[in-house]
Each structure stands twice: as C-alpha cells, then as structure tokens.
Amino acid sequence: MLTTTTPGIDGYEITEYLGIVTGEAILGANIFKDLFAGIRDIVGGRSAAYEKELRQARDLALAEMQAEAERVGANAVVGVDLDYEAIQSGQVGNMLMVTASGTAVKVAW
C-alpha cells in the first residue's frame, strides 16, 4: 500500500477519499526503566535499545493504520502524520504512545 506524508502522490490520481485512518502502539513502563537504568547501552548520547523499541512501535502503528485503510477499501494513505506522546499514570507508570494517522484514499493506477 502506498503511504506518504504528502497530500497527494505524484503520478497518481486520487479518485476517492475514504476518511481518516489511525493506528496506535504503546510502549510499556519497562522501556523507560531500561533507558535510565541501563546507562551502559547509551553510546554517544543515544540508546540503541530504546531506538529499536521506538522503531518497532512506529512500524506497528503504521501497519495498523494501513490495515484499517485496507478494511475501508483504500489502496493508499496520504497526509500521514506520526505523533509520539508520553503518558504518565500512577498505576501503570510511564508509557509512550505512537500514533499514525492519515487519509485513506483510492488512487488510479
């Protein structure tokens, strides 16, 4: 499925707009504990383990968004936006939510 952050896709005509689609992924509190407790993983100010978790969460959110687009009959998603949000909850602890949203469309091949 074609997925882009732009409002259109060069070389393709959008024939139908099918609405907003979204996908979410949430990282649990353990990643934050690992980030701060595992200083040994930080090289040059970056944490490879944390970045890997963020990539996986982003990929999952995008996959869920694309699956929702397929369910509504789309063959592309335009105007994709990724948001990262820290969530604090006394009972659950710290969590990170990754949200992908865009507009499901049909394009003429």
N, C-alpha and C. Protein backbone atom coordinates (compact mmCIF):
# COMPACT_ATOMS: atom_id res chain seq x y z
N MET A 1 0.84 -1.17 0.00
CA MET A 1 0.00 0.00 0.00
C MET A 1 0.89 1.24 0.00
N LEU A 2 0.58 2.15 -0.90
CA LEU A 2 1.32 3.41 -0.94
C LEU A 2 0.97 4.24 0.29
N THR A 3 1.98 4.76 0.95
CA THR A 3 1.79 5.57 2.15
C THR A 3 2.75 6.76 2.06
N THR A 4 2.19 7.97 2.24
CA THR A 4 3.02 9.16 2.10
C THR A 4 2.57 10.26 3.06
N THR A 5 3.50 11.11 3.41
CA THR A 5 3.17 12.26 4.26
C THR A 5 2.62 13.43 3.44
N THR A 6 2.71 13.35 2.14
CA THR A 6 2.25 14.44 1.28
C THR A 6 0.74 14.30 1.03
N PRO A 7 0.07 15.39 0.61
CA PRO A 7 -1.37 15.33 0.40
C PRO A 7 -1.78 14.59 -0.87
N GLY A 8 -0.84 14.27 -1.71
CA GLY A 8 -1.11 13.54 -2.94
C GLY A 8 0.07 12.67 -3.28
N ILE A 9 -0.06 11.91 -4.38
CA ILE A 9 1.02 11.03 -4.81
C ILE A 9 1.33 11.37 -6.27
N ASP A 10 2.54 11.87 -6.51
CA ASP A 10 2.91 12.25 -7.87
C ASP A 10 2.71 11.08 -8.82
N GLY A 11 2.08 11.38 -9.95
CA GLY A 11 1.87 10.38 -10.97
C GLY A 11 0.61 9.55 -10.78
N TYR A 12 -0.12 9.78 -9.70
CA TYR A 12 -1.36 9.04 -9.43
C TYR A 12 -2.49 10.02 -9.17
N GLU A 13 -3.67 9.67 -9.66
CA GLU A 13 -4.84 10.49 -9.42
C GLU A 13 -5.66 9.89 -8.29
N ILE A 14 -5.97 10.70 -7.27
CA ILE A 14 -6.83 10.24 -6.20
C ILE A 14 -8.26 10.28 -6.72
N THR A 15 -8.92 9.12 -6.72
CA THR A 15 -10.27 9.02 -7.26
C THR A 15 -11.34 9.03 -6.17
N GLU A 16 -10.94 8.72 -4.93
CA GLU A 16 -11.93 8.70 -3.85
C GLU A 16 -11.22 8.88 -2.49
N TYR A 17 -11.82 9.70 -1.65
CA TYR A 17 -11.34 9.88 -0.28
C TYR A 17 -12.24 9.06 0.64
N LEU A 18 -11.63 8.21 1.46
CA LEU A 18 -12.40 7.28 2.28
C LEU A 18 -12.39 7.61 3.77
N GLY A 19 -11.72 8.66 4.15
CA GLY A 19 -11.75 9.09 5.54
C GLY A 19 -10.43 8.89 6.27
N ILE A 20 -10.42 9.34 7.50
CA ILE A 20 -9.22 9.27 8.34
C ILE A 20 -9.05 7.86 8.88
N VAL A 21 -7.81 7.38 8.86
CA VAL A 21 -7.47 6.09 9.45
C VAL A 21 -6.33 6.30 10.44
N THR A 22 -6.30 5.46 11.49
CA THR A 22 -5.29 5.61 12.52
C THR A 22 -4.75 4.25 12.95
N GLY A 23 -3.60 4.30 13.59
CA GLY A 23 -3.01 3.13 14.21
C GLY A 23 -2.24 3.59 15.43
N GLU A 24 -2.27 2.80 16.49
CA GLU A 24 -1.59 3.18 17.73
C GLU A 24 -0.72 2.03 18.23
N ALA A 25 0.33 2.39 18.93
CA ALA A 25 1.17 1.41 19.62
C ALA A 25 1.65 2.06 20.91
N ILE A 26 1.68 1.28 21.98
CA ILE A 26 2.09 1.81 23.28
C ILE A 26 3.25 0.99 23.82
N LEU A 27 4.31 1.70 24.23
CA LEU A 27 5.45 1.07 24.87
C LEU A 27 5.24 1.11 26.37
N GLY A 28 5.49 -0.01 27.02
CA GLY A 28 5.28 -0.10 28.46
C GLY A 28 6.35 0.60 29.27
N ALA A 29 6.12 0.64 30.57
CA ALA A 29 7.00 1.35 31.50
C ALA A 29 8.40 0.77 31.53
N ASN A 30 8.56 -0.50 31.24
CA ASN A 30 9.88 -1.13 31.35
C ASN A 30 10.91 -0.49 30.44
N ILE A 31 10.51 0.05 29.30
CA ILE A 31 11.47 0.66 28.39
C ILE A 31 12.08 1.90 29.03
N PHE A 32 11.28 2.66 29.79
CA PHE A 32 11.81 3.83 30.47
C PHE A 32 12.77 3.43 31.58
N LYS A 33 12.42 2.38 32.34
CA LYS A 33 13.32 1.90 33.38
C LYS A 33 14.63 1.43 32.76
N ASP A 34 14.52 0.71 31.66
CA ASP A 34 15.72 0.22 30.97
C ASP A 34 16.56 1.38 30.45
N LEU A 35 15.89 2.42 29.96
CA LEU A 35 16.61 3.56 29.41
C LEU A 35 17.47 4.24 30.47
N PHE A 36 16.88 4.50 31.62
CA PHE A 36 17.61 5.22 32.66
C PHE A 36 18.52 4.32 33.48
N ALA A 37 18.12 3.08 33.69
CA ALA A 37 18.94 2.17 34.49
C ALA A 37 20.07 1.57 33.67
N GLY A 38 19.88 1.47 32.38
CA GLY A 38 20.87 0.82 31.54
C GLY A 38 21.78 1.81 30.84
N ILE A 39 22.45 2.63 31.59
CA ILE A 39 23.35 3.63 31.01
C ILE A 39 24.41 2.97 30.12
N ARG A 40 24.72 1.72 30.42
CA ARG A 40 25.74 1.03 29.62
C ARG A 40 25.34 0.93 28.15
N ASP A 41 24.02 1.00 27.86
CA ASP A 41 23.55 0.92 26.48
C ASP A 41 23.70 2.23 25.72
N ILE A 42 23.93 3.31 26.44
CA ILE A 42 23.98 4.63 25.80
C ILE A 42 25.40 4.89 25.31
N VAL A 43 25.51 5.07 24.02
CA VAL A 43 26.82 5.36 23.41
C VAL A 43 26.65 6.65 22.61
N GLY A 44 27.45 7.63 22.95
CA GLY A 44 27.36 8.90 22.23
C GLY A 44 26.04 9.60 22.44
N GLY A 45 25.39 9.38 23.57
CA GLY A 45 24.13 10.05 23.87
C GLY A 45 22.93 9.37 23.27
N ARG A 46 23.10 8.21 22.67
CA ARG A 46 21.98 7.50 22.04
C ARG A 46 21.83 6.13 22.66
N SER A 47 20.62 5.64 22.71
CA SER A 47 20.34 4.32 23.23
C SER A 47 19.82 3.45 22.10
N ALA A 48 20.62 2.50 21.66
CA ALA A 48 20.22 1.61 20.56
C ALA A 48 18.98 0.81 20.93
N ALA A 49 18.90 0.35 22.17
CA ALA A 49 17.74 -0.45 22.60
C ALA A 49 16.47 0.39 22.55
N TYR A 50 16.54 1.61 23.04
CA TYR A 50 15.37 2.49 23.04
C TYR A 50 14.95 2.84 21.62
N GLU A 51 15.92 3.15 20.77
CA GLU A 51 15.60 3.47 19.38
C GLU A 51 14.95 2.28 18.68
N LYS A 52 15.42 1.08 18.97
CA LYS A 52 14.83 -0.12 18.38
C LYS A 52 13.36 -0.26 18.81
N GLU A 53 13.07 -0.02 20.07
CA GLU A 53 11.70 -0.10 20.57
C GLU A 53 10.82 0.95 19.90
N LEU A 54 11.34 2.17 19.74
CA LEU A 54 10.58 3.23 19.08
C LEU A 54 10.28 2.88 17.63
N ARG A 55 11.29 2.32 16.93
CA ARG A 55 11.09 1.90 15.54
C ARG A 55 10.00 0.84 15.45
N GLN A 56 10.05 -0.13 16.36
CA GLN A 56 9.04 -1.19 16.35
C GLN A 56 7.65 -0.62 16.61
N ALA A 57 7.55 0.31 17.55
CA ALA A 57 6.26 0.93 17.85
C ALA A 57 5.76 1.73 16.64
N ARG A 58 6.65 2.46 16.00
CA ARG A 58 6.26 3.23 14.80
C ARG A 58 5.79 2.30 13.70
N ASP A 59 6.54 1.22 13.46
CA ASP A 59 6.17 0.27 12.42
C ASP A 59 4.82 -0.38 12.71
N LEU A 60 4.56 -0.70 13.98
CA LEU A 60 3.29 -1.30 14.36
C LEU A 60 2.14 -0.32 14.15
N ALA A 61 2.33 0.94 14.55
CA ALA A 61 1.29 1.96 14.37
C ALA A 61 0.99 2.15 12.88
N LEU A 62 2.03 2.21 12.06
CA LEU A 62 1.82 2.36 10.61
C LEU A 62 1.11 1.14 10.02
N ALA A 63 1.48 -0.05 10.45
CA ALA A 63 0.85 -1.28 9.95
C ALA A 63 -0.63 -1.31 10.33
N GLU A 64 -0.96 -0.90 11.55
CA GLU A 64 -2.37 -0.85 11.97
C GLU A 64 -3.15 0.16 11.14
N MET A 65 -2.53 1.31 10.87
CA MET A 65 -3.19 2.33 10.06
C MET A 65 -3.45 1.80 8.65
N GLN A 66 -2.45 1.15 8.06
CA GLN A 66 -2.61 0.59 6.73
C GLN A 66 -3.66 -0.51 6.69
N ALA A 67 -3.72 -1.34 7.74
CA ALA A 67 -4.74 -2.39 7.80
C ALA A 67 -6.13 -1.79 7.87
N GLU A 68 -6.29 -0.70 8.63
CA GLU A 68 -7.59 -0.03 8.69
C GLU A 68 -7.95 0.54 7.32
N ALA A 69 -6.95 1.10 6.62
CA ALA A 69 -7.19 1.64 5.29
C ALA A 69 -7.66 0.53 4.33
N GLU A 70 -7.03 -0.63 4.41
CA GLU A 70 -7.45 -1.76 3.57
C GLU A 70 -8.88 -2.17 3.88
N ARG A 71 -9.26 -2.16 5.17
CA ARG A 71 -10.62 -2.55 5.56
C ARG A 71 -11.67 -1.63 4.96
N VAL A 72 -11.32 -0.35 4.75
CA VAL A 72 -12.30 0.57 4.17
C VAL A 72 -12.19 0.63 2.64
N GLY A 73 -11.31 -0.20 2.06
CA GLY A 73 -11.22 -0.29 0.61
C GLY A 73 -10.18 0.61 -0.04
N ALA A 74 -9.28 1.16 0.73
CA ALA A 74 -8.26 2.06 0.18
C ALA A 74 -7.09 1.28 -0.40
N ASN A 75 -6.37 1.92 -1.33
CA ASN A 75 -5.12 1.34 -1.82
C ASN A 75 -3.94 2.27 -1.58
N ALA A 76 -4.20 3.36 -0.81
CA ALA A 76 -3.14 4.29 -0.43
C ALA A 76 -3.58 5.10 0.78
N VAL A 77 -2.60 5.68 1.48
CA VAL A 77 -2.87 6.60 2.58
C VAL A 77 -2.01 7.83 2.36
N VAL A 78 -2.64 9.00 2.37
CA VAL A 78 -1.91 10.26 2.16
C VAL A 78 -2.00 11.11 3.43
N GLY A 79 -1.12 12.11 3.51
CA GLY A 79 -1.14 13.02 4.63
C GLY A 79 -0.81 12.36 5.96
N VAL A 80 0.06 11.36 5.93
CA VAL A 80 0.38 10.60 7.15
C VAL A 80 1.14 11.48 8.14
N ASP A 81 0.73 11.37 9.40
CA ASP A 81 1.38 12.10 10.49
C ASP A 81 1.69 11.11 11.60
N LEU A 82 2.88 11.21 12.17
CA LEU A 82 3.27 10.38 13.31
C LEU A 82 3.39 11.27 14.54
N ASP A 83 2.80 10.83 15.64
CA ASP A 83 2.87 11.56 16.90
C ASP A 83 3.41 10.64 17.98
N TYR A 84 4.23 11.19 18.85
CA TYR A 84 4.79 10.47 19.98
C TYR A 84 4.34 11.20 21.24
N GLU A 85 3.75 10.47 22.18
CA GLU A 85 3.21 11.09 23.38
C GLU A 85 3.61 10.29 24.61
N ALA A 86 4.16 10.97 25.61
CA ALA A 86 4.48 10.33 26.89
C ALA A 86 3.23 10.35 27.75
N ILE A 87 2.93 9.21 28.35
CA ILE A 87 1.76 9.08 29.21
C ILE A 87 2.24 8.70 30.60
N GLN A 88 1.79 9.45 31.59
CA GLN A 88 2.13 9.12 32.98
C GLN A 88 0.87 8.69 33.70
N SER A 89 0.96 7.56 34.36
CA SER A 89 -0.16 7.05 35.13
C SER A 89 0.39 6.48 36.42
N GLY A 90 -0.18 6.87 37.52
CA GLY A 90 0.29 6.40 38.81
C GLY A 90 0.22 4.89 38.95
N GLN A 91 -0.78 4.26 38.37
CA GLN A 91 -0.96 2.82 38.50
C GLN A 91 -0.12 2.06 37.50
N VAL A 92 0.05 2.61 36.33
CA VAL A 92 0.74 1.89 35.26
C VAL A 92 2.20 2.29 35.15
N GLY A 93 2.52 3.53 35.48
CA GLY A 93 3.88 4.02 35.30
C GLY A 93 3.98 4.83 34.02
N ASN A 94 5.17 5.03 33.55
CA ASN A 94 5.39 5.81 32.33
C ASN A 94 5.21 4.93 31.11
N MET A 95 4.57 5.50 30.10
CA MET A 95 4.38 4.79 28.84
C MET A 95 4.58 5.78 27.70
N LEU A 96 4.86 5.26 26.53
CA LEU A 96 4.99 6.09 25.34
C LEU A 96 4.03 5.57 24.29
N MET A 97 3.21 6.48 23.74
CA MET A 97 2.26 6.10 22.71
C MET A 97 2.72 6.68 21.37
N VAL A 98 2.70 5.86 20.35
CA VAL A 98 3.00 6.29 18.99
C VAL A 98 1.70 6.16 18.20
N THR A 99 1.28 7.26 17.57
CA THR A 99 0.05 7.26 16.79
C THR A 99 0.37 7.64 15.34
N ALA A 100 -0.17 6.87 14.41
CA ALA A 100 -0.06 7.17 12.98
C ALA A 100 -1.47 7.48 12.48
N SER A 101 -1.61 8.58 11.74
CA SER A 101 -2.91 8.91 11.17
C SER A 101 -2.72 9.45 9.77
N GLY A 102 -3.74 9.26 8.96
CA GLY A 102 -3.68 9.74 7.59
C GLY A 102 -5.05 9.62 6.95
N THR A 103 -5.14 9.95 5.69
CA THR A 103 -6.39 9.86 4.94
C THR A 103 -6.32 8.69 3.98
N ALA A 104 -7.27 7.77 4.14
CA ALA A 104 -7.36 6.61 3.25
C ALA A 104 -7.96 7.07 1.92
N VAL A 105 -7.33 6.67 0.83
CA VAL A 105 -7.79 7.06 -0.50
C VAL A 105 -7.71 5.90 -1.47
N LYS A 106 -8.43 6.05 -2.56
CA LYS A 106 -8.26 5.16 -3.70
C LYS A 106 -7.56 5.97 -4.78
N VAL A 107 -6.51 5.38 -5.35
CA VAL A 107 -5.81 6.05 -6.44
C VAL A 107 -5.94 5.20 -7.71
N ALA A 108 -5.94 5.87 -8.84
CA ALA A 108 -5.98 5.19 -10.13
C ALA A 108 -4.56 4.81 -10.51
N TRP A 109 -4.34 3.56 -10.82
CA TRP A 109 -3.00 3.08 -11.19
C TRP A 109 -2.73 3.42 -12.60
